Amino acid sequence: MPNHSPSIRELEDPHKVFYTVSQVADLLSLSHGTVSNYARTGKINSIKVGGSRLISRAAYDEFIAQGARASL
């Protein structure tokens, strides 16, 4: 099975409720490790489902609205 890296268009789907850490990393042009660290430390809100950490659309939007990208 090929490794599918979603496009920005797919990630910005207004109907999408949750993103993976990798998807948010792609959107923010950050490494997976950086976004994973932000999620673990609460800098971006997330939930853990099984072995995966998911970030809600609302948490992503809030992170952006707080100007987090500008402070990186």
Protein backbone atom coordinates (compact mmCIF):
# COMPACT_ATOMS: atom_id res chain seq x y z
CA MET A 1 0.00 0.00 0.00
CA PRO A 2 1.57 3.33 -1.02
CA ASN A 3 2.21 5.99 1.58
CA HIS A 4 -0.36 8.68 0.75
CA SER A 5 0.59 12.19 1.74
CA PRO A 6 -2.63 14.23 1.67
CA SER A 7 -2.78 17.46 -0.25
CA ILE A 8 -3.51 20.79 1.42
CA ARG A 9 -6.91 20.73 -0.30
CA GLU A 10 -7.74 17.42 1.42
CA LEU A 11 -6.52 18.72 4.77
CA GLU A 12 -8.53 21.91 4.57
CA ASP A 13 -11.80 20.01 4.05
CA PRO A 14 -14.31 21.88 6.25
CA HIS A 15 -16.11 18.60 6.96
CA LYS A 16 -13.03 16.91 8.40
CA VAL A 17 -13.34 16.67 12.17
CA PHE A 18 -9.92 15.28 13.19
CA TYR A 19 -6.41 15.42 11.76
CA THR A 20 -3.44 13.19 12.49
CA VAL A 21 -0.23 14.69 13.83
CA SER A 22 1.35 14.13 10.40
CA GLN A 23 -1.44 16.01 8.64
CA VAL A 24 -1.12 19.00 10.98
CA ALA A 25 2.66 18.91 10.55
CA ASP A 26 2.18 19.08 6.77
CA LEU A 27 -0.26 21.99 7.08
CA LEU A 28 2.11 23.95 9.31
CA SER A 29 5.30 22.93 7.48
CA LEU A 30 6.67 21.53 10.73
CA SER A 31 8.18 18.17 11.56
CA HIS A 32 6.04 15.35 12.89
CA GLY A 33 8.13 15.41 16.08
CA THR A 34 7.47 19.10 16.70
CA VAL A 35 3.69 18.77 16.33
CA SER A 36 3.73 15.58 18.39
CA ASN A 37 5.58 17.45 21.14
CA TYR A 38 3.10 20.34 20.96
CA ALA A 39 0.25 17.84 21.33
CA ARG A 40 1.88 15.97 24.24
CA THR A 41 2.62 19.19 26.12
CA GLY A 42 -0.76 20.80 25.46
CA LYS A 43 0.47 23.59 23.20
CA ILE A 44 -2.10 22.25 20.73
CA ASN A 45 -5.07 20.35 22.13
CA SER A 46 -5.32 16.71 21.13
CA ILE A 47 -6.84 13.40 22.12
CA LYS A 48 -5.27 9.98 22.18
CA VAL A 49 -7.20 7.20 20.46
CA GLY A 50 -5.50 3.86 20.84
CA GLY A 51 -1.90 4.48 19.85
CA SER A 52 -2.68 7.56 17.76
CA ARG A 53 -2.91 11.20 18.74
CA LEU A 54 -5.60 13.19 16.93
CA ILE A 55 -6.07 16.94 16.70
CA SER A 56 -9.56 18.30 16.16
CA ARG A 57 -10.33 20.86 13.50
CA ALA A 58 -11.33 23.25 16.29
CA ALA A 59 -8.01 22.73 18.11
CA TYR A 60 -6.09 23.31 14.87
CA ASP A 61 -8.08 26.50 14.16
CA GLU A 62 -7.53 27.73 17.73
CA PHE A 63 -3.79 27.06 17.47
CA ILE A 64 -3.63 29.14 14.28
CA ALA A 65 -5.84 31.90 15.71
CA GLN A 66 -3.52 32.27 18.70
CA GLY A 67 -0.78 33.25 16.33
CA ALA A 68 1.25 30.17 17.13
CA ARG A 69 2.61 30.03 13.62
CA ALA A 70 4.08 33.53 13.87
CA SER A 71 5.83 32.67 17.12
CA LEU A 72 7.59 29.59 15.75
